[in-house]
Amino acid sequence: MEIVRENISKLNDILSITLGVNDYSEKVEKALRNTAKKVDIKGFRKGMVPAGVVKKMYGNSVLAEEVNTILNDAIHNYIEENKLEILGQPLPVEDQKVTLEINTPIDYTFKYEIGLQPSFTLSHIESKPSYDQEEIVIDDKLLNDEVEHMQKRHGSNESPDDIAENDIIYVELVEVNADGSTKEGGVMNSTSFNVDILKAGDDKNKIMGLKKGDSVVLNIFEAFERERESVLKHILNVKEEEAANLGDTFKVTLSNVNRLVNASLDQAFFDKVYGPGIINSEDEMRARITEELKAYFAKQTEVKVLQELAKDLIDKTEMDMPSDFLKRWIKVSNEKEITDEQLEKDFPAFEKELKWSLIVGKVAKEQEFKVELEEIKQRTREIVQNQLIQYGMGAMPNEQLDNFGKRYMDDQRHVQKTHESLLEEKVLNHLKQFIVINEKPISLEEYSKRAQAEHAHHDHEGHDHEH
């Protein structure tokens, strides 16, 4: 076997592989003998089919299969031995006229095109670029809100006789006639709601003045800050099509009140939240919350800086690409057929992704960064834990999280995507040391407004390249 490498353009080579008869004949003969043992041909006992018949019927396909295996191994070994850094996969040169014939063994030459990775430097990082990182100011309002949120979270429920703002009330609703008597065949329903959905005015004042067991008659559709459809569905539990004969006058009877009472800021509360003796006063708690909020927001705002850094690295790193080869490789390797127009439209985004992947690969190789299986498992646990918290469940030990996360770890795409994400994080955290960060104080309110505006802009424009 002979392999000749010829450079045809920048970052583009042709590998010419010549297979002599001796390179493939023995393997083909062995494959034909194995085929003879397995094939089932009418008129012959299994395993007793004459070699000539097997060769005539299956020879060329066996030859093609064996030659293909030899070629794939030869290309793989050549690339490994010569430490070639390629893009995509080697592609057979178009319009090759090679006819495989089992009965006339000859030397064959096959040509493959390969695209090579460009060499490049991260000149953007070498220029010590600077980035603005927003520093969210922890003011009294933010701190007070967080303290109250914790008091609520660890608060208790009470059932007082009277009603106050933010209480949830439980009521019996009965449809009545104009004179207050129960309407025959009318709607009746038991429901609960937070009093803050009541419309300010006389009706709300009447309801807020009720004690348990007291009643008031009112126009149910005028009492709430809600559309008629919402009142039908969520308050009366009636479908629109069933509301033809429905009146609007109802007797509302208070059956219960539920009030969330904030936990007191005492030692029992501090011990419950932080553990015995860790925090011993409200001032200590507020200092602790301030540090936690700073760390949380710093992580949020740092993500934005790293995203900007990644975008700049892609835009400002000069990198040649074997574009014609890559376009052909995309067309050949795409599962669905792709038109030239679609390819031209999508290629710039593909090229950006490829640039980013080469940048990550270069830094990871230089710094010898690796992503271990345990790191992928740990990230998967975090994903599962966050999902469980959204469903109202608490923290779980790793063993349980691993059980929940098994379907993720069995999904090769999830494992691959998580691997890429973790490697990107390591690379960006390494590169972060070479940039200058200017902290820009901003209120949480301003930060949230801007984030919402940016999110709306992305939804409108379509998502840019994300990492």
Protein backbone atom coordinates (compact mmCIF):
# COMPACT_ATOMS: atom_id res chain seq x y z
CA MET A 1 0.00 0.00 0.00
CA GLU A 2 1.23 3.46 -0.86
CA ILE A 3 -0.16 6.78 0.41
CA VAL A 4 0.87 10.04 -1.28
CA ARG A 5 -0.20 13.42 0.13
CA GLU A 6 -0.49 16.34 -2.24
CA ASN A 7 -1.31 19.92 -1.30
CA ILE A 8 -3.92 21.45 -3.67
CA SER A 9 -4.63 24.74 -1.91
CA LYS A 10 -4.21 26.40 1.47
CA LEU A 11 -5.60 23.99 4.12
CA ASN A 12 -6.60 21.46 1.42
CA ASP A 13 -4.76 18.20 0.66
CA ILE A 14 -5.43 15.13 -1.45
CA LEU A 15 -4.51 11.68 -0.13
CA SER A 16 -3.90 9.17 -2.95
CA ILE A 17 -4.05 5.62 -1.62
CA THR A 18 -2.87 2.80 -3.86
CA LEU A 19 -3.94 -0.71 -2.82
CA GLY A 20 -1.92 -3.53 -4.34
CA VAL A 21 -3.58 -6.91 -4.94
CA ASN A 22 -1.66 -8.30 -1.96
CA ASP A 23 -3.17 -5.60 0.28
CA TYR A 24 -6.71 -6.90 -0.14
CA SER A 25 -6.77 -10.39 -1.75
CA GLU A 26 -6.23 -12.45 1.42
CA LYS A 27 -8.86 -10.48 3.38
CA VAL A 28 -11.37 -10.82 0.54
CA GLU A 29 -10.80 -14.61 0.33
CA LYS A 30 -11.33 -14.93 4.09
CA ALA A 31 -14.51 -12.81 3.93
CA LEU A 32 -15.83 -14.98 1.05
CA ARG A 33 -15.21 -18.16 3.10
CA ASN A 34 -17.13 -16.62 6.04
CA THR A 35 -19.95 -15.61 3.69
CA ALA A 36 -20.15 -19.19 2.32
CA LYS A 37 -20.74 -20.49 5.87
CA LYS A 38 -23.65 -18.11 6.46
CA VAL A 39 -25.55 -17.78 3.18
CA ASP A 40 -28.72 -19.70 2.51
CA ILE A 41 -29.13 -20.43 -1.22
CA LYS A 42 -31.90 -22.56 -2.60
CA GLY A 43 -30.64 -25.97 -3.79
CA PHE A 44 -27.66 -26.04 -1.40
CA ARG A 45 -27.35 -27.03 2.21
CA LYS A 46 -26.33 -24.15 4.50
CA GLY A 47 -22.55 -23.95 4.68
CA MET A 48 -22.11 -26.23 1.66
CA VAL A 49 -22.45 -23.63 -1.14
CA PRO A 50 -19.54 -24.00 -3.64
CA ALA A 51 -16.95 -21.22 -3.52
CA GLY A 52 -17.49 -20.37 -7.20
CA VAL A 53 -21.21 -19.76 -6.66
CA VAL A 54 -20.56 -17.56 -3.60
CA LYS A 55 -17.88 -15.61 -5.50
CA LYS A 56 -20.20 -15.08 -8.48
CA MET A 57 -23.15 -13.95 -6.34
CA TYR A 58 -21.39 -11.97 -3.58
CA GLY A 59 -17.82 -11.40 -4.80
CA ASN A 60 -18.01 -7.77 -5.86
CA SER A 61 -19.97 -6.63 -2.78
CA VAL A 62 -17.55 -8.48 -0.45
CA LEU A 63 -14.60 -6.92 -2.33
CA ALA A 64 -16.14 -3.43 -2.00
CA GLU A 65 -16.76 -3.93 1.72
CA GLU A 66 -13.25 -5.15 2.46
CA VAL A 67 -11.58 -2.44 0.36
CA ASN A 68 -13.69 0.19 2.13
CA THR A 69 -12.60 -1.13 5.56
CA ILE A 70 -8.91 -1.17 4.49
CA LEU A 71 -9.18 2.40 3.15
CA ASN A 72 -10.88 3.73 6.30
CA ASP A 73 -8.21 2.13 8.53
CA ALA A 74 -5.40 3.40 6.27
CA ILE A 75 -6.70 6.99 6.30
CA HIS A 76 -7.29 6.95 10.07
CA ASN A 77 -3.78 5.57 10.75
CA TYR A 78 -2.13 8.02 8.34
CA ILE A 79 -3.84 11.00 10.01
CA GLU A 80 -2.86 9.72 13.48
CA GLU A 81 0.75 8.91 12.56
CA ASN A 82 1.29 12.24 10.80
CA LYS A 83 -0.56 14.15 13.54
CA LEU A 84 -2.77 15.90 10.98
CA GLU A 85 -5.41 18.18 12.51
CA ILE A 86 -8.32 17.91 10.11
CA LEU A 87 -11.75 19.50 9.78
CA GLY A 88 -14.81 17.36 9.14
CA GLN A 89 -14.08 13.97 7.55
CA PRO A 90 -12.03 12.93 4.49
CA LEU A 91 -14.20 12.96 1.35
CA PRO A 92 -13.71 10.81 -1.78
CA VAL A 93 -12.63 13.07 -4.67
CA GLU A 94 -15.57 13.55 -7.03
CA ASP A 95 -15.78 11.84 -10.44
CA GLN A 96 -13.35 9.04 -9.62
CA LYS A 97 -13.75 6.15 -12.05
CA VAL A 98 -12.86 3.06 -10.03
CA THR A 99 -14.59 -0.22 -10.95
CA LEU A 100 -14.10 -3.11 -8.53
CA GLU A 101 -14.12 -6.55 -10.20
CA ILE A 102 -13.55 -9.71 -8.15
CA ASN A 103 -12.50 -11.82 -11.15
CA THR A 104 -9.76 -9.47 -12.38
CA PRO A 105 -7.62 -8.46 -9.38
CA ILE A 106 -5.61 -5.27 -10.04
CA ASP A 107 -4.04 -2.42 -8.10
CA TYR A 108 -6.55 0.33 -7.23
CA THR A 109 -5.90 4.01 -6.51
CA PHE A 110 -8.40 6.04 -4.48
CA LYS A 111 -8.20 9.77 -3.85
CA TYR A 112 -9.56 11.53 -0.76
CA GLU A 113 -9.76 15.23 -0.05
CA ILE A 114 -9.02 16.47 3.47
CA GLY A 115 -9.52 19.91 5.04
CA LEU A 116 -6.86 21.02 7.53
CA GLN A 117 -7.31 23.09 10.66
CA PRO A 118 -5.88 26.61 10.38
CA SER A 119 -3.18 27.86 12.72
CA PHE A 120 -4.08 31.08 14.53
CA THR A 121 -3.26 33.23 17.53
CA LEU A 122 -5.65 34.78 20.03
CA SER A 123 -4.51 38.33 19.31
CA HIS A 124 -7.65 39.75 20.94
CA ILE A 125 -6.59 38.37 24.34
CA GLU A 126 -3.00 39.55 23.86
CA SER A 127 -4.29 43.15 23.58
CA LYS A 128 -5.56 43.01 27.20
CA PRO A 129 -9.15 44.01 26.25
CA SER A 130 -11.42 45.59 28.86
CA TYR A 131 -15.06 44.75 29.59
CA ASP A 132 -17.72 46.42 31.72
CA GLN A 133 -19.21 44.16 34.36
CA GLU A 134 -22.32 45.45 36.07
CA GLU A 135 -22.15 45.40 39.85
CA ILE A 136 -25.65 45.24 41.28
CA VAL A 137 -25.86 47.56 44.29
CA ILE A 138 -27.30 45.85 47.37
CA ASP A 139 -29.40 48.73 48.73
CA ASP A 140 -31.73 48.75 51.75
CA LYS A 141 -34.82 48.04 49.66
CA LEU A 142 -33.27 44.93 48.07
CA LEU A 143 -31.99 43.75 51.44
CA ASN A 144 -35.35 44.38 53.19
CA ASP A 145 -37.20 42.51 50.41
CA GLU A 146 -34.86 39.51 50.80
CA VAL A 147 -35.26 39.48 54.60
CA GLU A 148 -39.05 39.61 54.24
CA HIS A 149 -38.93 36.86 51.59
CA MET A 150 -37.04 34.62 54.06
CA GLN A 151 -39.51 35.48 56.86
CA LYS A 152 -42.38 34.51 54.55
CA ARG A 153 -40.66 31.29 53.44
CA HIS A 154 -40.20 30.21 57.04
CA GLY A 155 -43.47 31.76 58.25
CA SER A 156 -46.55 30.01 59.58
CA ASN A 157 -50.18 29.82 58.45
CA GLU A 158 -52.94 31.07 60.75
CA SER A 159 -56.72 31.06 60.47
CA PRO A 160 -57.99 34.35 61.97
CA ASP A 161 -61.65 35.39 62.16
CA ASP A 162 -61.18 38.67 60.30
CA ILE A 163 -59.70 39.44 56.83
CA ALA A 164 -56.60 41.51 56.03
CA GLU A 165 -54.73 42.35 52.81
CA ASN A 166 -52.88 39.39 51.22
CA ASP A 167 -55.07 36.83 53.03
CA ILE A 168 -56.43 33.87 51.10
CA ILE A 169 -60.14 33.45 51.79
CA TYR A 170 -62.36 30.40 51.33
CA VAL A 171 -65.95 31.15 50.32
CA GLU A 172 -69.21 29.45 49.38
CA LEU A 173 -70.89 30.99 46.31
CA VAL A 174 -74.61 30.61 45.67
CA GLU A 175 -76.47 32.20 42.74
CA VAL A 176 -79.48 34.21 44.02
CA ASN A 177 -82.50 36.05 42.63
CA ALA A 178 -82.94 39.83 42.83
CA ASP A 179 -84.69 39.47 46.22
CA GLY A 180 -81.76 37.47 47.66
CA SER A 181 -83.52 34.08 47.56
CA THR A 182 -81.57 31.07 46.22
CA LYS A 183 -82.08 30.68 42.45
CA GLU A 184 -83.59 27.32 41.50
CA GLY A 185 -81.07 25.33 39.44
CA GLY A 186 -78.53 28.12 39.92
CA VAL A 187 -74.74 27.80 40.21
CA MET A 188 -73.12 26.89 43.52
CA ASN A 189 -69.38 26.61 44.10
CA SER A 190 -66.78 26.50 46.88
CA THR A 191 -63.57 28.34 46.03
CA SER A 192 -60.61 30.25 47.44
CA PHE A 193 -58.64 33.28 46.25
CA ASN A 194 -56.23 35.97 47.44
CA VAL A 195 -58.13 39.14 48.34
CA ASP A 196 -55.70 41.20 46.24
CA ILE A 197 -57.63 40.16 43.10
CA LEU A 198 -60.74 41.98 44.37
CA LYS A 199 -61.47 45.32 42.66
CA ALA A 200 -61.04 48.28 45.02
CA GLY A 201 -64.45 49.70 45.99
CA ASP A 202 -67.67 48.93 47.90
CA ASP A 203 -67.75 45.20 47.05
CA LYS A 204 -64.18 44.69 48.29
CA ASN A 205 -64.92 46.67 51.46
CA LYS A 206 -67.99 44.49 52.14
CA ILE A 207 -66.00 41.26 51.69
CA MET A 208 -63.07 42.54 53.78
CA GLY A 209 -65.54 43.29 56.59
CA LEU A 210 -66.87 39.71 56.77
CA LYS A 211 -66.30 37.38 59.72
CA LYS A 212 -66.44 33.57 59.38
CA GLY A 213 -70.02 32.52 58.59
CA ASP A 214 -71.06 36.04 57.44
CA SER A 215 -72.49 36.59 53.94
CA VAL A 216 -72.78 39.42 51.41
CA VAL A 217 -74.78 39.61 48.14
CA LEU A 218 -73.03 41.25 45.17
CA ASN A 219 -72.50 41.26 41.39
CA ILE A 220 -69.84 38.58 41.06
CA PHE A 221 -68.51 39.88 37.71
CA GLU A 222 -67.94 43.39 39.04
CA ALA A 223 -66.20 42.31 42.24
CA PHE A 224 -62.91 41.10 40.68
CA GLU A 225 -60.09 42.69 38.69
CA ARG A 226 -60.61 39.92 36.16
CA GLU A 227 -62.33 39.41 32.81
CA ARG A 228 -65.74 37.66 32.78
CA GLU A 229 -64.17 34.53 31.25
CA SER A 230 -61.63 34.31 34.08
CA VAL A 231 -64.33 34.71 36.78
CA LEU A 232 -66.43 31.99 35.11
CA LYS A 233 -63.50 29.57 34.96
CA HIS A 234 -61.54 30.24 38.16
CA ILE A 235 -64.14 31.57 40.61
CA LEU A 236 -67.44 29.95 39.58
CA ASN A 237 -65.97 26.84 37.88
CA VAL A 238 -68.43 27.25 34.97
CA LYS A 239 -67.67 26.74 31.26
CA GLU A 240 -68.64 29.51 28.82
CA GLU A 241 -71.13 27.26 27.01
CA GLU A 242 -72.89 26.47 30.33
CA ALA A 243 -73.31 30.15 31.21
CA ALA A 244 -76.33 30.96 28.98
CA ASN A 245 -78.84 31.22 31.88
CA LEU A 246 -76.32 32.43 34.45
CA GLY A 247 -77.14 35.57 36.40
CA ASP A 248 -74.59 37.88 37.96
CA THR A 249 -75.91 38.11 41.55
CA PHE A 250 -74.35 35.77 44.12
CA LYS A 251 -74.36 35.31 47.86
CA VAL A 252 -70.77 35.07 49.12
CA THR A 253 -70.36 33.33 52.51
CA LEU A 254 -66.96 33.37 54.25
CA SER A 255 -66.01 29.89 55.47
CA ASN A 256 -62.32 30.30 56.32
CA VAL A 257 -59.32 32.66 56.22
CA ASN A 258 -55.70 31.66 55.65
CA ARG A 259 -53.01 34.17 56.65
CA LEU A 260 -49.29 33.69 56.20
CA VAL A 261 -47.59 35.22 59.24
CA ASN A 262 -43.94 36.14 58.78
CA ALA A 263 -41.45 34.37 61.04
CA SER A 264 -40.03 36.56 63.82
CA LEU A 265 -36.37 37.57 63.54
CA ASP A 266 -35.34 35.74 66.73
CA GLN A 267 -32.64 33.20 67.59
CA ALA A 268 -34.94 30.26 66.81
CA PHE A 269 -35.37 31.66 63.28
CA PHE A 270 -31.61 32.24 62.80
CA ASP A 271 -30.83 28.70 64.01
CA LYS A 272 -33.50 27.18 61.76
CA VAL A 273 -32.23 28.98 58.64
CA TYR A 274 -28.44 28.87 59.18
CA GLY A 275 -27.85 26.16 61.78
CA PRO A 276 -27.38 26.53 65.58
CA GLY A 277 -25.22 29.47 66.70
CA ILE A 278 -24.02 30.52 63.20
CA ILE A 279 -25.99 33.79 63.10
CA ASN A 280 -26.86 35.54 66.37
CA SER A 281 -28.49 38.84 65.38
CA GLU A 282 -30.45 40.57 62.63
CA ASP A 283 -27.36 42.63 61.73
CA GLU A 284 -25.30 39.44 61.26
CA MET A 285 -28.07 37.96 59.12
CA ARG A 286 -28.27 41.07 56.93
CA ALA A 287 -24.47 41.02 56.47
CA ARG A 288 -24.64 37.35 55.48
CA ILE A 289 -27.50 37.98 53.01
CA THR A 290 -25.56 40.93 51.51
CA GLU A 291 -22.54 38.68 50.82
CA GLU A 292 -24.73 35.93 49.35
CA LEU A 293 -26.58 38.38 47.09
CA LYS A 294 -23.28 39.92 45.94
CA ALA A 295 -21.89 36.49 45.05
CA TYR A 296 -25.12 35.47 43.26
CA PHE A 297 -25.37 38.65 41.18
CA ALA A 298 -21.63 38.67 40.43
CA LYS A 299 -22.03 35.22 38.89
CA GLN A 300 -25.00 36.44 36.81
CA THR A 301 -23.22 39.52 35.51
CA GLU A 302 -19.98 37.62 34.88
CA VAL A 303 -21.83 35.28 32.50
CA LYS A 304 -22.64 38.30 30.31
CA VAL A 305 -18.98 39.41 30.27
CA LEU A 306 -17.84 35.92 29.28
CA GLN A 307 -20.46 35.79 26.52
CA GLU A 308 -19.15 39.11 25.16
CA LEU A 309 -15.59 37.80 25.38
CA ALA A 310 -16.54 34.65 23.44
CA LYS A 311 -18.28 36.72 20.76
CA ASP A 312 -15.23 38.99 20.40
CA LEU A 313 -12.89 36.02 20.18
CA ILE A 314 -14.96 34.65 17.30
CA ASP A 315 -15.24 38.01 15.52
CA LYS A 316 -11.67 39.19 16.05
CA THR A 317 -9.60 36.01 15.69
CA GLU A 318 -8.27 35.85 12.15
CA MET A 319 -8.63 32.33 10.83
CA ASP A 320 -8.44 30.91 7.30
CA MET A 321 -10.95 28.20 6.46
CA PRO A 322 -11.07 25.64 3.62
CA SER A 323 -14.58 26.91 2.85
CA ASP A 324 -15.21 25.01 -0.41
CA PHE A 325 -14.22 21.72 1.24
CA LEU A 326 -16.38 22.45 4.31
CA LYS A 327 -19.42 23.26 2.16
CA ARG A 328 -19.02 19.97 0.29
CA TRP A 329 -18.57 18.11 3.58
CA ILE A 330 -21.77 19.69 5.01
CA LYS A 331 -23.74 18.65 1.91
CA VAL A 332 -22.40 15.08 1.98
CA SER A 333 -22.76 14.54 5.75
CA ASN A 334 -26.17 16.22 6.19
CA GLU A 335 -28.92 13.67 6.85
CA LYS A 336 -31.45 15.70 4.88
CA GLU A 337 -30.69 17.05 1.44
CA ILE A 338 -29.58 20.67 1.59
CA THR A 339 -29.84 23.13 -1.32
CA ASP A 340 -26.99 25.43 -2.37
CA GLU A 341 -29.12 28.45 -1.39
CA GLN A 342 -29.73 27.04 2.11
CA LEU A 343 -26.06 26.16 2.47
CA GLU A 344 -24.94 29.70 1.57
CA LYS A 345 -27.46 31.12 4.05
CA ASP A 346 -26.44 28.83 6.93
CA PHE A 347 -22.67 28.67 6.27
CA PRO A 348 -21.65 31.90 8.12
CA ALA A 349 -23.31 30.63 11.33
CA PHE A 350 -21.67 27.20 10.87
CA GLU A 351 -18.29 28.88 10.33
CA LYS A 352 -18.71 30.87 13.57
CA GLU A 353 -19.52 27.68 15.50
CA LEU A 354 -16.48 26.00 13.96
CA LYS A 355 -14.23 28.96 14.82
CA TRP A 356 -15.42 28.86 18.42
CA SER A 357 -14.87 25.12 18.64
CA LEU A 358 -11.29 25.52 17.29
CA ILE A 359 -10.57 28.30 19.80
CA VAL A 360 -11.85 26.17 22.70
CA GLY A 361 -9.88 23.17 21.39
CA LYS A 362 -6.65 25.16 21.09
CA VAL A 363 -6.81 26.59 24.64
CA ALA A 364 -7.97 23.27 26.14
CA LYS A 365 -5.06 21.46 24.46
CA GLU A 366 -2.47 24.05 25.54
CA GLN A 367 -3.75 24.05 29.15
CA GLU A 368 -4.42 20.29 29.16
CA PHE A 369 -8.02 20.84 30.26
CA LYS A 370 -10.10 17.67 30.53
CA VAL A 371 -13.73 17.05 31.45
CA GLU A 372 -14.16 13.96 33.63
CA LEU A 373 -17.31 11.82 33.70
CA GLU A 374 -17.87 12.78 37.36
CA GLU A 375 -18.06 16.47 36.35
CA ILE A 376 -20.76 15.65 33.78
CA LYS A 377 -22.63 13.68 36.45
CA GLN A 378 -22.38 16.59 38.90
CA ARG A 379 -23.70 19.09 36.33
CA THR A 380 -26.56 16.70 35.57
CA ARG A 381 -27.37 16.51 39.31
CA GLU A 382 -27.57 20.32 39.40
CA ILE A 383 -29.97 20.33 36.43
CA VAL A 384 -32.18 17.69 38.06
CA GLN A 385 -32.09 19.44 41.47
CA ASN A 386 -33.18 22.75 39.90
CA GLN A 387 -36.07 21.01 38.14
CA LEU A 388 -37.18 19.39 41.40
CA ILE A 389 -37.06 22.76 43.20
CA GLN A 390 -39.34 24.20 40.47
CA TYR A 391 -41.79 21.39 41.22
CA GLY A 392 -41.75 22.39 44.89
CA MET A 393 -39.45 19.60 46.09
CA GLY A 394 -36.43 20.17 48.33
CA ALA A 395 -32.75 19.21 48.16
CA MET A 396 -31.97 15.52 47.62
CA PRO A 397 -28.87 13.37 48.18
CA ASN A 398 -26.71 12.52 45.15
CA GLU A 399 -27.91 8.93 45.00
CA GLN A 400 -31.53 10.03 44.45
CA LEU A 401 -30.48 12.75 42.00
CA ASP A 402 -28.54 10.12 40.01
CA ASN A 403 -31.67 7.96 39.82
CA PHE A 404 -33.71 10.88 38.49
CA GLY A 405 -30.88 11.86 36.14
CA LYS A 406 -30.30 8.40 34.65
CA ARG A 407 -32.30 9.17 31.49
CA TYR A 408 -30.07 12.21 30.91
CA MET A 409 -26.86 10.23 31.37
CA ASP A 410 -28.18 7.55 29.00
CA ASP A 411 -28.70 10.21 26.32
CA GLN A 412 -25.44 10.59 24.36
CA ARG A 413 -26.47 14.04 23.10
CA HIS A 414 -26.88 15.32 26.67
CA VAL A 415 -23.49 13.90 27.69
CA GLN A 416 -21.80 15.44 24.63
CA LYS A 417 -23.50 18.83 25.07
CA THR A 418 -22.64 18.93 28.79
CA HIS A 419 -19.03 17.96 28.00
CA GLU A 420 -18.78 20.85 25.49
CA SER A 421 -20.40 23.29 27.93
CA LEU A 422 -18.04 22.37 30.80
CA LEU A 423 -14.97 22.60 28.54
CA GLU A 424 -16.09 26.04 27.31
CA GLU A 425 -16.49 27.19 30.92
CA LYS A 426 -12.95 26.03 31.78
CA VAL A 427 -11.52 27.81 28.74
CA LEU A 428 -13.41 31.08 29.38
CA ASN A 429 -12.52 31.07 33.08
CA HIS A 430 -8.88 30.62 32.08
CA LEU A 431 -9.02 33.45 29.51
CA LYS A 432 -10.80 35.73 32.01
CA GLN A 433 -7.47 36.37 33.75
CA PHE A 434 -6.18 38.14 30.61
CA ILE A 435 -8.96 40.73 30.39
CA VAL A 436 -9.52 43.94 32.35
CA ILE A 437 -12.89 44.16 34.10
CA ASN A 438 -14.41 47.56 34.91
CA GLU A 439 -17.15 47.35 37.51
CA LYS A 440 -20.19 49.52 36.76
CA PRO A 441 -22.64 49.96 39.68
CA ILE A 442 -26.30 49.48 38.70
CA SER A 443 -29.54 49.08 40.67
CA LEU A 444 -31.36 45.76 40.46
CA GLU A 445 -34.37 47.59 39.01
CA GLU A 446 -32.28 49.06 36.15
CA TYR A 447 -30.53 45.74 35.58
CA SER A 448 -33.84 43.83 35.39
CA LYS A 449 -35.36 46.40 33.03
CA ARG A 450 -32.40 46.21 30.67
CA ALA A 451 -32.32 42.40 30.80
CA GLN A 452 -36.03 42.27 29.89
CA ALA A 453 -35.51 44.71 27.01
CA GLU A 454 -32.58 42.64 25.70
CA HIS A 455 -34.60 39.44 25.99
CA ALA A 456 -37.49 41.02 24.06
CA HIS A 457 -35.04 42.25 21.40
CA HIS A 458 -33.59 38.74 21.00
CA ASP A 459 -37.07 37.24 20.69
CA HIS A 460 -37.89 39.81 18.01
CA GLU A 461 -34.66 39.58 16.04
CA GLY A 462 -34.11 35.82 16.42
CA HIS A 463 -31.31 34.41 18.58
CA ASP A 464 -27.72 35.21 17.79
CA HIS A 465 -24.92 32.73 18.26
CA GLU A 466 -25.05 31.51 21.86
CA HIS A 467 -22.53 29.66 24.02
